[in-house]
Amino acid sequence: MHITRLEVRNWQGLKLQVIPDLSPGLNLIVGPNESGKSTLVRALRFGLFESHKGKSEAKRNLQGWTSSDAPEVLIEFISGNIPYKLHKRFLKVPSANLEGAGLIGKDDDAEGQLRVLLRIREGAGRERKDEDLGLWPLV
């Protein structure tokens, strides 16, 4: 899997942050303290591994600090030479959409298709635990 683009909206201190043209090799995110580097990584983790549904404390903490708009993440990636677009919206009117390989998955179907692509098992609790993610926590 190769993540090619990351877009984050209304996510804690980030109103809009787009990282286009990610390399298939090593990518570095650099910046001063409190500039949003960890927030981008957290958005990537929630986008790939957490359900769009629910209002746990961890999800409520995603809310933008200066906006009441719902936190959103768009992740474009390539898996098996097939490009995919994943869009998740949390809290207000939560949704998940996954497009690729001629398929369009919505909400729970999108989440299930994503788990298959990432080869992870469905978590037993509300939030995904590292043991549910296979090798992903090592990345």
Protein backbone atom coordinates (compact mmCIF):
# COMPACT_ATOMS: atom_id res chain seq x y z
CA MET A 1 0.00 0.00 0.00
CA HIS A 2 1.22 3.47 -0.88
CA ILE A 3 -0.51 6.55 0.52
CA THR A 4 -0.40 9.22 -2.18
CA ARG A 5 -2.36 12.11 -0.64
CA LEU A 6 -3.70 13.18 2.74
CA GLU A 7 -6.25 15.93 3.38
CA VAL A 8 -7.45 16.87 6.84
CA ARG A 9 -10.29 19.31 7.64
CA ASN A 10 -11.54 20.71 10.96
CA TRP A 11 -9.22 18.44 12.93
CA GLN A 12 -8.22 19.86 16.30
CA GLY A 13 -5.99 22.85 15.48
CA LEU A 14 -6.03 22.26 11.70
CA LYS A 15 -8.71 23.98 9.63
CA LEU A 16 -7.41 22.53 6.34
CA GLN A 17 -4.15 20.75 5.64
CA VAL A 18 -3.36 18.99 2.36
CA ILE A 19 -0.28 16.88 1.76
CA PRO A 20 -0.23 15.96 -1.95
CA ASP A 21 2.20 13.80 -3.89
CA LEU A 22 3.45 11.55 -1.11
CA SER A 23 6.39 9.41 -2.18
CA PRO A 24 6.21 5.61 -2.27
CA GLY A 25 9.45 5.72 -0.27
CA LEU A 26 10.14 7.71 2.86
CA ASN A 27 8.13 10.84 3.63
CA LEU A 28 9.08 13.28 6.38
CA ILE A 29 6.76 15.76 8.03
CA VAL A 30 8.77 18.56 9.62
CA GLY A 31 7.76 21.71 11.41
CA PRO A 32 8.02 23.55 14.69
CA ASN A 33 6.41 22.29 17.89
CA GLU A 34 2.60 22.53 17.93
CA SER A 35 2.38 22.96 14.14
CA GLY A 36 0.18 19.88 13.60
CA LYS A 37 2.59 17.05 12.75
CA SER A 38 1.15 14.64 15.32
CA THR A 39 -2.36 15.76 14.41
CA LEU A 40 -1.77 14.67 10.80
CA VAL A 41 -0.57 11.26 11.95
CA ARG A 42 -3.58 10.93 14.27
CA ALA A 43 -5.91 11.82 11.37
CA LEU A 44 -4.24 9.15 9.23
CA ARG A 45 -4.69 6.56 11.99
CA PHE A 46 -8.35 7.45 12.54
CA GLY A 47 -9.01 7.48 8.81
CA LEU A 48 -7.53 4.07 8.23
CA PHE A 49 -8.37 2.22 11.43
CA GLU A 50 -11.24 3.78 13.37
CA SER A 51 -14.93 3.56 12.62
CA HIS A 52 -16.62 6.68 11.36
CA LYS A 53 -19.48 6.05 13.79
CA GLY A 54 -19.62 6.80 17.48
CA LYS A 55 -18.92 9.71 19.77
CA SER A 56 -16.31 8.35 22.15
CA GLU A 57 -14.17 10.82 24.06
CA ALA A 58 -11.30 10.16 21.64
CA LYS A 59 -13.55 11.13 18.72
CA ARG A 60 -14.95 14.18 20.49
CA ASN A 61 -11.35 15.34 20.98
CA LEU A 62 -10.92 15.42 17.18
CA GLN A 63 -13.26 18.40 16.89
CA GLY A 64 -11.67 21.51 15.45
CA TRP A 65 -10.79 24.10 18.05
CA THR A 66 -12.08 27.06 16.07
CA SER A 67 -14.96 25.45 14.19
CA SER A 68 -18.01 23.36 14.96
CA ASP A 69 -17.72 21.65 11.55
CA ALA A 70 -17.20 17.89 11.60
CA PRO A 71 -13.63 16.56 11.44
CA GLU A 72 -12.89 14.93 8.07
CA VAL A 73 -10.03 13.05 6.50
CA LEU A 74 -9.45 12.14 2.85
CA ILE A 75 -6.78 9.55 2.12
CA GLU A 76 -5.80 8.56 -1.40
CA PHE A 77 -3.74 5.41 -1.71
CA ILE A 78 -2.70 2.66 -4.08
CA SER A 79 -3.09 -0.99 -3.16
CA GLY A 80 -2.25 -3.75 -5.63
CA ASN A 81 -1.73 -1.14 -8.39
CA ILE A 82 -5.33 0.07 -7.88
CA PRO A 83 -5.95 3.67 -6.76
CA TYR A 84 -8.45 4.22 -3.94
CA LYS A 85 -10.04 7.25 -2.29
CA LEU A 86 -11.17 7.03 1.31
CA HIS A 87 -13.20 9.83 2.87
CA LYS A 88 -14.34 9.73 6.50
CA ARG A 89 -16.37 12.24 8.44
CA PHE A 90 -16.65 11.95 12.23
CA LEU A 91 -19.18 13.16 14.83
CA LYS A 92 -21.74 15.28 12.92
CA VAL A 93 -23.46 13.18 10.23
CA PRO A 94 -20.64 10.60 10.29
CA SER A 95 -19.89 8.81 7.04
CA ALA A 96 -17.31 6.67 5.29
CA ASN A 97 -16.82 6.35 1.54
CA LEU A 98 -14.30 4.16 -0.25
CA GLU A 99 -13.91 4.26 -4.04
CA GLY A 100 -11.61 2.11 -6.13
CA ALA A 101 -11.43 -0.96 -8.35
CA GLY A 102 -14.76 0.05 -9.89
CA LEU A 103 -16.51 -0.22 -6.52
CA ILE A 104 -18.05 2.40 -4.27
CA GLY A 105 -18.49 1.44 -0.62
CA LYS A 106 -20.48 3.53 1.81
CA ASP A 107 -20.44 3.57 5.60
CA ASP A 108 -20.21 0.02 7.05
CA ASP A 109 -19.52 -1.49 3.60
CA ALA A 110 -16.64 0.97 3.12
CA GLU A 111 -15.25 0.09 6.55
CA GLY A 112 -15.42 -3.64 5.75
CA GLN A 113 -13.75 -3.18 2.36
CA LEU A 114 -11.00 -1.13 3.99
CA ARG A 115 -10.35 -3.84 6.60
CA VAL A 116 -9.95 -6.37 3.78
CA LEU A 117 -7.55 -4.09 1.89
CA LEU A 118 -5.49 -3.43 5.02
CA ARG A 119 -5.73 -7.06 6.17
CA ILE A 120 -6.87 -6.17 9.68
CA ARG A 121 -9.53 -7.83 11.77
CA GLU A 122 -12.57 -6.15 13.18
CA GLY A 123 -12.01 -4.93 16.74
CA ALA A 124 -14.16 -6.23 19.53
CA GLY A 125 -14.49 -2.87 21.29
CA ARG A 126 -15.50 0.56 20.14
CA GLU A 127 -11.97 1.61 19.26
CA ARG A 128 -9.42 -0.43 17.43
CA LYS A 129 -6.60 -1.83 19.57
CA ASP A 130 -3.04 -2.31 18.34
CA GLU A 131 -3.43 -6.11 18.45
CA ASP A 132 -6.28 -5.80 15.91
CA LEU A 133 -4.01 -4.01 13.43
CA GLY A 134 -1.51 -6.76 12.63
CA LEU A 135 1.80 -5.16 11.63
CA TRP A 136 0.38 -1.65 11.14
CA PRO A 137 1.45 -0.28 14.57
CA LEU A 138 5.06 -0.91 13.52
CA VAL A 139 4.73 1.42 10.51
